[in-house]
Structures are given as C-alpha cells and as structure tokens.
Amino acid sequence: MSPNDVELVALAKVAQDNAAFTELVRRHQARLRAFLRRLCGSDHLADDIAQETFIKAHERLSTFRGGASFRSWLYAIAYREFLQDRRREKAAARLKDALQSDATNIESSGGAIENGLSMDLRRALLDLEETERATLLLCDAAGLSHSEAARVLNAPLGSVKTYIARGRTKMREALTGVAERRPPKAETTANHKGVMYAL
C-alpha cells in the first residue's frame, strides 16, 4: 500500500527523501495545472506558475503542519503565486502607461517617437541603475509616494526625487531616441564605487 500525502511529506521533511517529494509532484501536478489553466486562461502562464508553486512548496515544506490536506496547502501557494503574477502584470501596465504619457508630452513638443512607442520596456528598465529602476517601479508602477519609496529604499527623500527624475529622463530618451541636453557634470574627487547587478 502506497503512503498517503502526509506520510510522503514526513519522509520528504525528516528523511530529506527527494523521491517522496517527486511522488507528491506526480500525484498533484496534473490537477494543479488544470486548475491554473482555467484560472489564468493561458497554458504557458499556468505551467510557469505550477512550476514556481512546486519550487515554493519544496522550500516551505517544513511549514506544512498537516492541519489541512497537502492538496489545499499546495493550492493556496498556487493561488498566491497567481495573485503575485497579476500584481506584477498590473504594475508593468501602470509603468507603461506612465512612460507613454511622458513620451506623448515629448511628442507634442517636437520629440520624435518611433513606431508608436514600440520599445522593449524591460530592456530599457534594465539599462537604468538599480536605484533608479527600483524607485521608478515603486512610484510609477506600484503607486507609492516619494516618502513611502524613501522608506522602502532606506534612502533620503531628496535622493529618491533625484532617482525619479534621472530614471524618467533616461526612459524618455529610450522611448524617443532623443537625448536631452544636460549641463556638463562637474568633476569630483569623491571615490564612488559603482556596482553592477545582473538580473
């Protein structure tokens, strides 16, 4: 007689038995994917969320207490992943709207926009410095105030405003292909270390 889900979880937790967790995945993946496909309306997205769900379940297996069924615990993780994906999607849409609004203002004042803003937002965002990117996403996409973003980033309010202005300028340049004229930077003797982040 094969072990039930709770017994498999115990084996996976206590004995670090990967075969036990693999069996849990085998038992639940088809129905979980079917649930997510109906929820998402996209097979590809559902499969991505299902995969992330099993990764999170494996990482958090020690938190499963057995008060509910393993299946309901797993589906709760899947639903949270779905909601997080929706929030990311809405945040990206809000950021795109904000950037398009900025670019439209530039176009009306003579800036050239190629192909109705057909640009790769992800690439443009990744070209920003990390602090600029984080601040733009917090304020323009997530809707935080400058003060709230300053608390999240543990940065002075003045710095946050600078990151916003600099990041928006760079994004406008990426949208229009037109670099804004800036006064030359004064040379400084301060020793500032630049850090690159790979995403």
Protein backbone atom coordinates (compact mmCIF):
# COMPACT_ATOMS: atom_id res chain seq x y z
CA MET A 1 0.00 0.00 0.00
CA SER A 2 1.49 3.34 -1.07
CA PRO A 3 1.98 6.09 1.56
CA ASN A 4 -0.55 8.93 1.74
CA ASP A 5 0.35 12.58 1.23
CA VAL A 6 1.03 13.29 4.90
CA GLU A 7 3.38 10.30 5.12
CA LEU A 8 5.19 11.44 1.97
CA VAL A 9 5.57 14.94 3.39
CA ALA A 10 7.03 13.47 6.58
CA LEU A 11 9.51 11.43 4.55
CA ALA A 12 10.47 14.46 2.48
CA LYS A 13 10.87 16.65 5.58
CA VAL A 14 12.52 14.31 8.06
CA ALA A 15 14.45 11.93 5.84
CA GLN A 16 15.17 14.51 3.14
CA ASP A 17 13.72 11.98 0.71
CA ASN A 18 13.59 13.60 -2.74
CA ALA A 19 11.75 10.61 -4.14
CA ALA A 20 8.92 11.29 -1.68
CA PHE A 21 8.55 14.87 -2.87
CA THR A 22 8.78 13.75 -6.50
CA GLU A 23 5.85 11.42 -5.81
CA LEU A 24 3.86 14.34 -4.35
CA VAL A 25 4.54 16.34 -7.51
CA ARG A 26 3.49 13.38 -9.70
CA ARG A 27 0.24 12.98 -7.76
CA HIS A 28 -0.83 16.62 -7.86
CA GLN A 29 0.71 18.29 -10.90
CA ALA A 30 -1.97 17.39 -13.48
CA ARG A 31 -4.90 18.69 -11.43
CA LEU A 32 -2.96 21.72 -10.22
CA ARG A 33 -2.06 22.65 -13.80
CA ALA A 34 -5.68 22.15 -14.91
CA PHE A 35 -6.84 24.46 -12.09
CA LEU A 36 -4.27 27.12 -13.02
CA ARG A 37 -5.00 26.90 -16.74
CA ARG A 38 -8.65 27.68 -16.08
CA LEU A 39 -7.68 30.40 -13.62
CA CYS A 40 -5.11 32.07 -15.89
CA GLY A 41 -6.62 31.45 -19.30
CA SER A 42 -3.10 30.69 -20.54
CA ASP A 43 -1.45 27.28 -20.68
CA HIS A 44 2.04 28.75 -20.75
CA LEU A 45 1.48 31.02 -17.75
CA ALA A 46 -0.27 28.23 -15.83
CA ASP A 47 2.69 25.91 -16.37
CA ASP A 48 5.10 28.61 -15.18
CA ILE A 49 3.05 29.23 -12.03
CA ALA A 50 2.71 25.50 -11.38
CA GLN A 51 6.47 25.09 -11.58
CA GLU A 52 7.01 28.03 -9.22
CA THR A 53 4.39 26.57 -6.87
CA PHE A 54 6.22 23.26 -6.55
CA ILE A 55 9.53 25.07 -6.00
CA LYS A 56 7.97 27.17 -3.22
CA ALA A 57 6.26 24.08 -1.75
CA HIS A 58 9.59 22.26 -1.60
CA GLU A 59 11.28 25.26 0.03
CA ARG A 60 8.47 25.67 2.59
CA LEU A 61 7.76 22.03 3.29
CA SER A 62 8.81 22.48 6.91
CA THR A 63 5.86 24.88 7.38
CA PHE A 64 3.27 22.24 6.45
CA ARG A 65 1.69 21.19 9.74
CA GLY A 66 -0.92 18.74 8.49
CA GLY A 67 -3.91 20.69 9.82
CA ALA A 68 -5.29 20.81 6.28
CA SER A 69 -4.70 18.49 3.37
CA PHE A 70 -1.46 18.76 1.44
CA ARG A 71 -3.52 19.48 -1.68
CA SER A 72 -5.27 22.51 -0.17
CA TRP A 73 -1.92 23.77 1.19
CA LEU A 74 -0.42 23.39 -2.29
CA TYR A 75 -3.35 25.14 -3.98
CA ALA A 76 -3.06 28.04 -1.52
CA ILE A 77 0.55 28.50 -2.61
CA ALA A 78 -0.52 28.33 -6.27
CA TYR A 79 -3.21 30.94 -5.79
CA ARG A 80 -0.80 33.31 -4.03
CA GLU A 81 1.63 32.88 -6.95
CA PHE A 82 -1.19 33.66 -9.37
CA LEU A 83 -2.09 36.84 -7.46
CA GLN A 84 1.56 37.92 -7.37
CA ASP A 85 1.80 37.42 -11.13
CA ARG A 86 -1.34 39.54 -11.62
CA ARG A 87 0.12 42.30 -9.44
CA ARG A 88 3.35 42.25 -11.45
CA GLU A 89 1.36 42.40 -14.69
CA LYS A 90 -0.73 45.35 -13.47
CA ALA A 91 2.38 47.12 -12.20
CA ALA A 92 4.04 46.72 -15.59
CA ALA A 93 0.93 48.09 -17.31
CA ARG A 94 0.84 51.11 -14.96
CA LEU A 95 4.51 51.79 -15.64
CA LYS A 96 3.95 51.51 -19.40
CA ASP A 97 1.04 53.97 -19.19
CA ALA A 98 3.14 56.43 -17.19
CA LEU A 99 6.03 56.22 -19.64
CA GLN A 100 3.73 56.53 -22.65
CA SER A 101 2.19 59.64 -21.10
CA ASP A 102 5.66 61.15 -20.66
CA ALA A 103 6.56 60.28 -24.25
CA THR A 104 3.31 61.75 -25.61
CA ASN A 105 4.15 65.04 -23.89
CA ILE A 106 7.54 64.99 -25.58
CA GLU A 107 6.00 64.20 -28.97
CA SER A 108 3.62 67.18 -28.71
CA SER A 109 6.61 69.43 -28.09
CA GLY A 110 8.51 68.18 -31.11
CA GLY A 111 10.13 64.92 -29.96
CA ALA A 112 10.18 62.03 -32.45
CA ILE A 113 8.67 58.72 -31.33
CA GLU A 114 9.32 55.70 -33.48
CA ASN A 115 6.56 53.23 -34.29
CA GLY A 116 4.11 54.47 -31.62
CA LEU A 117 6.38 53.62 -28.68
CA SER A 118 7.29 50.17 -29.95
CA MET A 119 10.10 49.65 -27.43
CA ASP A 120 11.24 46.96 -25.09
CA LEU A 121 10.35 48.29 -21.64
CA ARG A 122 12.15 45.51 -19.87
CA ARG A 123 15.40 46.26 -21.66
CA ALA A 124 15.04 49.99 -21.05
CA LEU A 125 14.40 49.38 -17.35
CA LEU A 126 17.37 47.06 -17.07
CA ASP A 127 19.57 49.79 -18.56
CA LEU A 128 18.79 52.00 -15.56
CA GLU A 129 20.90 51.96 -12.42
CA GLU A 130 19.34 49.70 -9.80
CA THR A 131 18.26 52.56 -7.53
CA GLU A 132 16.64 54.39 -10.47
CA ARG A 133 14.85 51.25 -11.61
CA ALA A 134 13.63 50.37 -8.11
CA THR A 135 12.39 53.91 -7.46
CA LEU A 136 10.55 54.15 -10.79
CA LEU A 137 8.88 50.80 -10.19
CA LEU A 138 7.89 51.74 -6.65
CA CYS A 139 6.47 55.15 -7.56
CA ASP A 140 5.22 54.82 -11.15
CA ALA A 141 4.23 51.16 -11.16
CA ALA A 142 3.35 50.31 -7.56
CA GLY A 143 1.89 53.75 -6.86
CA LEU A 144 3.93 54.57 -3.74
CA SER A 145 4.54 58.19 -2.78
CA HIS A 146 8.08 59.53 -2.80
CA SER A 147 8.11 59.38 1.01
CA GLU A 148 6.95 55.75 1.01
CA ALA A 149 9.57 54.83 -1.59
CA ALA A 150 12.22 56.54 0.56
CA ARG A 151 11.21 54.30 3.49
CA VAL A 152 11.28 51.16 1.35
CA LEU A 153 14.70 52.02 -0.09
CA ASN A 154 16.03 53.41 3.21
CA ALA A 155 17.15 56.48 1.26
CA PRO A 156 16.77 60.24 1.84
CA LEU A 157 13.69 61.81 0.23
CA GLY A 158 15.90 64.12 -1.84
CA SER A 159 17.76 61.14 -3.27
CA VAL A 160 14.50 59.44 -4.21
CA LYS A 161 13.38 62.56 -6.11
CA THR A 162 16.74 62.59 -7.91
CA TYR A 163 16.42 58.90 -8.84
CA ILE A 164 12.91 59.52 -10.16
CA ALA A 165 13.95 62.50 -12.28
CA ARG A 166 17.06 60.78 -13.62
CA GLY A 167 15.27 57.50 -14.31
CA ARG A 168 12.38 59.19 -16.12
CA THR A 169 14.82 61.19 -18.24
CA LYS A 170 16.64 58.02 -19.28
CA MET A 171 13.36 56.24 -20.02
CA ARG A 172 12.14 59.18 -22.14
CA GLU A 173 15.39 59.05 -24.07
CA ALA A 174 14.92 55.33 -24.63
CA LEU A 175 11.34 55.92 -25.81
CA THR A 176 12.13 58.77 -28.18
CA GLY A 177 15.71 58.06 -29.17
CA VAL A 178 16.42 61.72 -28.37
CA ALA A 179 18.93 62.55 -25.66
CA GLU A 180 18.08 65.55 -23.52
CA ARG A 181 20.77 68.19 -23.30
CA ARG A 182 22.27 68.34 -19.85
CA PRO A 183 24.88 70.69 -18.42
CA PRO A 184 28.31 69.05 -18.17
CA LYS A 185 28.97 67.33 -14.87
CA ALA A 186 31.48 68.96 -12.56
CA GLU A 187 34.43 66.72 -11.90
CA THR A 188 34.60 65.28 -8.43
CA THR A 189 37.38 63.72 -6.42
CA ALA A 190 34.99 61.62 -4.34
CA ASN A 191 35.74 57.92 -4.51
CA HIS A 192 32.41 56.38 -5.54
CA LYS A 193 32.16 52.68 -6.25
CA GLY A 194 29.77 51.60 -8.98
CA VAL A 195 28.09 48.23 -8.50
CA MET A 196 26.55 46.25 -11.35
CA TYR A 197 23.60 43.97 -10.78
CA ALA A 198 22.72 41.14 -13.13
CA LEU A 199 19.04 40.27 -13.41
